[in-house]
Amino acid sequence: MQLHMIRTQADVAAGLVDLALLDARLFQVIDKAGPVPLRRHDPGYRGLAGIIVSQMISRASADAIWYKLEQIAGDITPHHVLSLTEADNRAAGLSRAKAETLRRVAEAVDRGEIDLDAICHMEAMAAIRSLTSIKGIGRWTAEVYLLFCAGHPDIFPSGDIALQNAVAHALGLPVRPSQAELDEIAQLWSPWRGVSARLFWAYYAREMRRDGTPIA
């Protein structure tokens, strides 16, 4: 089946219409969520670096670190990141693990071992395998890259805590679903899981008053 990549706000709107037909529970979620942002970013090292920085921290903290990193590095490219010292990384607020992941990805791109633009045109599971072959990049990071930099329409990062909380709250679940449980729930929203993820992040921001979206 040919997937309809998410490139414009009109694609998000089309996905929301189909999602409401796939799952009637989402009518109310769509109403409460308000506008669902596109949040597309250009593919490449900079896009992936921003997602790595946002791993396991709040949006506000990620934005603060990113701002400092840009000020210190001058630009977020493999060349600039490889020139950073340990002191530079500490000054930016990067953990040792994130600094090492940024460096490993920069080295892989610099050596031609991974093409972050080409990955956006690969089948989802193959793209995830390629990305997660780099130490420090897990399933969540790979899926978020495919969502926001590739515009893949059928990816749902079930390991995302904000999404788990949003789905539990919106659907009236007794407890927050695990990653495996949310994987199963989200199957109903295929082939628009990428729009459903955006929907539940928007719901989380509106109803729970916190921006849990992993990319600005």
Protein backbone atom coordinates (compact mmCIF):
# COMPACT_ATOMS: atom_id res chain seq x y z
CA MET A 1 0.00 0.00 0.00
CA GLN A 2 1.28 3.47 -0.94
CA LEU A 3 1.62 5.59 2.19
CA HIS A 4 0.60 9.23 2.16
CA MET A 5 3.57 11.04 3.66
CA ILE A 6 2.81 13.86 6.11
CA ARG A 7 4.25 16.98 4.48
CA THR A 8 1.64 19.69 5.06
CA GLN A 9 -1.00 20.78 7.53
CA ALA A 10 -3.57 19.54 5.00
CA ASP A 11 -2.12 16.03 5.38
CA VAL A 12 -2.64 16.24 9.15
CA ALA A 13 -6.23 17.37 8.60
CA ALA A 14 -6.89 14.48 6.21
CA GLY A 15 -5.44 12.04 8.70
CA LEU A 16 -7.66 13.35 11.49
CA VAL A 17 -10.77 12.80 9.36
CA ASP A 18 -9.77 9.20 8.68
CA LEU A 19 -8.82 8.61 12.32
CA ALA A 20 -12.28 9.67 13.49
CA LEU A 21 -13.76 7.11 11.10
CA LEU A 22 -11.36 4.41 12.27
CA ASP A 23 -12.07 4.96 15.98
CA ALA A 24 -15.17 6.85 17.14
CA ARG A 25 -13.50 7.55 20.51
CA LEU A 26 -11.21 9.99 18.74
CA PHE A 27 -14.02 12.43 17.88
CA GLN A 28 -13.91 13.75 21.43
CA VAL A 29 -10.10 13.65 21.54
CA ILE A 30 -9.91 15.74 18.36
CA ASP A 31 -12.40 18.23 19.77
CA LYS A 32 -10.49 18.63 23.04
CA ALA A 33 -7.01 18.70 21.50
CA GLY A 34 -7.56 21.84 19.46
CA PRO A 35 -5.16 22.57 16.58
CA VAL A 36 -2.78 19.68 15.80
CA PRO A 37 0.58 21.09 14.64
CA LEU A 38 2.50 19.65 11.70
CA ARG A 39 5.96 20.22 13.22
CA ARG A 40 7.97 19.08 10.18
CA HIS A 41 11.74 19.49 10.24
CA ASP A 42 14.30 19.02 7.50
CA PRO A 43 15.94 15.59 7.49
CA GLY A 44 19.63 15.30 8.24
CA TYR A 45 22.06 15.56 11.10
CA ARG A 46 20.59 18.70 12.65
CA GLY A 47 17.12 17.17 12.86
CA LEU A 48 18.35 13.97 14.47
CA ALA A 49 20.61 15.89 16.85
CA GLY A 50 17.63 17.87 18.14
CA ILE A 51 15.79 14.64 18.91
CA ILE A 52 18.80 13.16 20.69
CA VAL A 53 19.05 16.28 22.85
CA SER A 54 15.37 15.94 23.79
CA GLN A 55 15.66 12.32 25.00
CA MET A 56 14.22 11.82 28.50
CA ILE A 57 13.93 15.52 29.40
CA SER A 58 11.24 18.19 29.21
CA ARG A 59 10.70 20.31 26.13
CA ALA A 60 11.82 23.41 28.03
CA SER A 61 15.05 21.75 29.16
CA ALA A 62 15.76 20.48 25.65
CA ASP A 63 15.21 23.93 24.18
CA ALA A 64 17.59 25.49 26.71
CA ILE A 65 20.34 22.94 25.96
CA TRP A 66 19.85 23.33 22.21
CA TYR A 67 20.18 27.10 22.45
CA LYS A 68 23.46 26.80 24.41
CA LEU A 69 24.75 24.15 22.02
CA GLU A 70 24.11 26.38 19.02
CA GLN A 71 25.86 29.28 20.72
CA ILE A 72 28.94 27.16 21.46
CA ALA A 73 29.12 25.12 18.24
CA GLY A 74 28.14 27.89 15.85
CA ASP A 75 26.07 25.43 13.83
CA ILE A 76 24.78 21.90 14.41
CA THR A 77 26.59 19.92 11.71
CA PRO A 78 28.79 16.82 12.00
CA HIS A 79 31.88 18.97 11.48
CA HIS A 80 30.95 21.46 14.19
CA VAL A 81 29.88 18.82 16.70
CA LEU A 82 33.08 16.81 16.17
CA SER A 83 35.05 19.93 17.02
CA LEU A 84 33.42 20.28 20.46
CA THR A 85 35.45 19.50 23.57
CA GLU A 86 34.18 17.80 26.71
CA ALA A 87 34.14 21.21 28.37
CA ASP A 88 32.00 22.57 25.52
CA ASN A 89 29.50 19.75 25.95
CA ARG A 90 29.30 20.31 29.69
CA ALA A 91 28.82 24.05 29.18
CA ALA A 92 25.90 23.29 26.86
CA GLY A 93 24.32 21.07 29.50
CA LEU A 94 24.72 17.83 27.56
CA SER A 95 25.02 14.60 29.51
CA ARG A 96 28.03 12.46 28.70
CA ALA A 97 25.76 9.86 27.06
CA LYS A 98 24.08 12.39 24.76
CA ALA A 99 27.38 14.03 23.84
CA GLU A 100 28.79 10.63 22.90
CA THR A 101 25.70 9.77 20.84
CA LEU A 102 25.89 13.08 18.97
CA ARG A 103 29.55 12.37 18.25
CA ARG A 104 28.92 8.78 17.10
CA VAL A 105 26.21 9.92 14.70
CA ALA A 106 28.44 12.74 13.42
CA GLU A 107 31.25 10.26 12.79
CA ALA A 108 28.90 7.84 11.00
CA VAL A 109 27.59 10.63 8.75
CA ASP A 110 31.09 12.00 8.14
CA ARG A 111 32.38 8.56 7.12
CA GLY A 112 29.39 7.91 4.86
CA GLU A 113 28.22 4.98 6.97
CA ILE A 114 24.70 6.38 7.26
CA ASP A 115 22.68 8.66 4.98
CA LEU A 116 20.05 10.43 7.05
CA ASP A 117 18.27 11.77 3.96
CA ALA A 118 18.07 8.36 2.28
CA ILE A 119 16.73 6.79 5.49
CA CYS A 120 13.63 8.98 5.12
CA HIS A 121 12.73 7.07 1.95
CA MET A 122 13.23 3.60 3.40
CA GLU A 123 10.57 1.23 4.69
CA ALA A 124 9.93 2.07 8.35
CA MET A 125 11.34 -1.06 10.00
CA ALA A 126 14.45 -1.01 7.82
CA ALA A 127 14.98 2.67 8.64
CA ILE A 128 14.60 1.99 12.36
CA ARG A 129 17.10 -0.87 12.19
CA SER A 130 19.60 1.37 10.41
CA LEU A 131 19.25 4.19 12.92
CA THR A 132 19.31 1.98 16.00
CA SER A 133 22.51 0.31 14.82
CA ILE A 134 24.24 3.41 16.21
CA LYS A 135 24.81 3.11 19.95
CA GLY A 136 22.70 5.63 21.85
CA ILE A 137 19.85 5.69 19.35
CA GLY A 138 16.92 3.61 20.49
CA ARG A 139 13.52 2.92 19.04
CA TRP A 140 11.99 6.16 20.36
CA THR A 141 14.66 8.37 18.78
CA ALA A 142 14.42 6.55 15.45
CA GLU A 143 10.63 6.72 15.39
CA VAL A 144 10.54 10.43 16.25
CA TYR A 145 13.04 11.11 13.45
CA LEU A 146 10.83 9.24 10.97
CA LEU A 147 7.74 11.10 12.20
CA PHE A 148 9.02 14.65 12.09
CA CYS A 149 11.92 14.61 9.63
CA ALA A 150 10.66 12.02 7.16
CA GLY A 151 6.94 12.67 7.59
CA HIS A 152 6.17 8.97 7.89
CA PRO A 153 2.41 8.61 8.38
CA ASP A 154 2.27 5.31 10.25
CA ILE A 155 4.71 5.57 13.15
CA PHE A 156 3.60 5.74 16.79
CA PRO A 157 6.35 6.07 19.47
CA SER A 158 4.62 3.96 22.10
CA GLY A 159 7.53 4.32 24.51
CA ASP A 160 6.86 8.05 24.86
CA ILE A 161 5.63 8.79 28.40
CA ALA A 162 3.59 11.82 27.33
CA LEU A 163 1.76 9.72 24.73
CA GLN A 164 1.13 6.95 27.27
CA ASN A 165 -0.32 9.48 29.72
CA ALA A 166 -2.35 11.25 27.06
CA VAL A 167 -3.91 8.05 25.71
CA ALA A 168 -4.74 6.83 29.23
CA HIS A 169 -6.39 10.16 30.10
CA ALA A 170 -8.23 10.60 26.80
CA LEU A 171 -9.57 7.06 26.59
CA GLY A 172 -10.33 6.72 30.30
CA LEU A 173 -7.95 3.83 30.89
CA PRO A 174 -7.51 2.77 34.54
CA VAL A 175 -3.70 2.83 34.33
CA ARG A 176 -1.10 4.21 31.96
CA PRO A 177 -0.48 1.63 29.20
CA SER A 178 2.94 0.07 28.79
CA GLN A 179 4.81 0.39 25.52
CA ALA A 180 3.59 -3.02 24.40
CA GLU A 181 0.00 -2.23 25.38
CA LEU A 182 0.09 1.10 23.57
CA ASP A 183 1.55 -0.59 20.50
CA GLU A 184 -1.55 -2.80 20.46
CA ILE A 185 -3.96 0.09 21.02
CA ALA A 186 -2.35 2.17 18.26
CA GLN A 187 -2.73 -0.61 15.70
CA LEU A 188 -6.34 0.51 15.33
CA TRP A 189 -5.13 3.90 14.06
CA SER A 190 -3.03 2.53 11.19
CA PRO A 191 -2.24 3.78 8.54
CA TRP A 192 -2.45 7.19 10.27
CA ARG A 193 -0.56 6.47 13.48
CA GLY A 194 1.76 9.40 12.74
CA VAL A 195 -1.20 11.77 12.87
CA SER A 196 -2.63 10.04 15.94
CA ALA A 197 0.68 10.63 17.76
CA ARG A 198 0.51 14.33 16.87
CA LEU A 199 -3.12 14.37 18.04
CA PHE A 200 -2.33 12.92 21.44
CA TRP A 201 0.66 15.24 21.94
CA ALA A 202 -1.70 18.15 21.17
CA TYR A 203 -4.25 16.70 23.60
CA TYR A 204 -1.55 16.38 26.25
CA ALA A 205 -0.57 20.03 25.81
CA ARG A 206 -4.18 21.28 25.94
CA GLU A 207 -5.71 19.03 28.61
CA MET A 208 -2.69 18.34 30.80
CA ARG A 209 -1.05 21.71 30.19
CA ARG A 210 2.41 20.43 29.39
CA ASP A 211 4.23 20.35 26.07
CA GLY A 212 5.34 16.74 25.73
CA THR A 213 6.11 16.91 22.01
CA PRO A 214 9.75 15.83 21.58
CA ILE A 215 10.54 18.37 18.87
CA ALA A 216 9.87 22.09 18.80
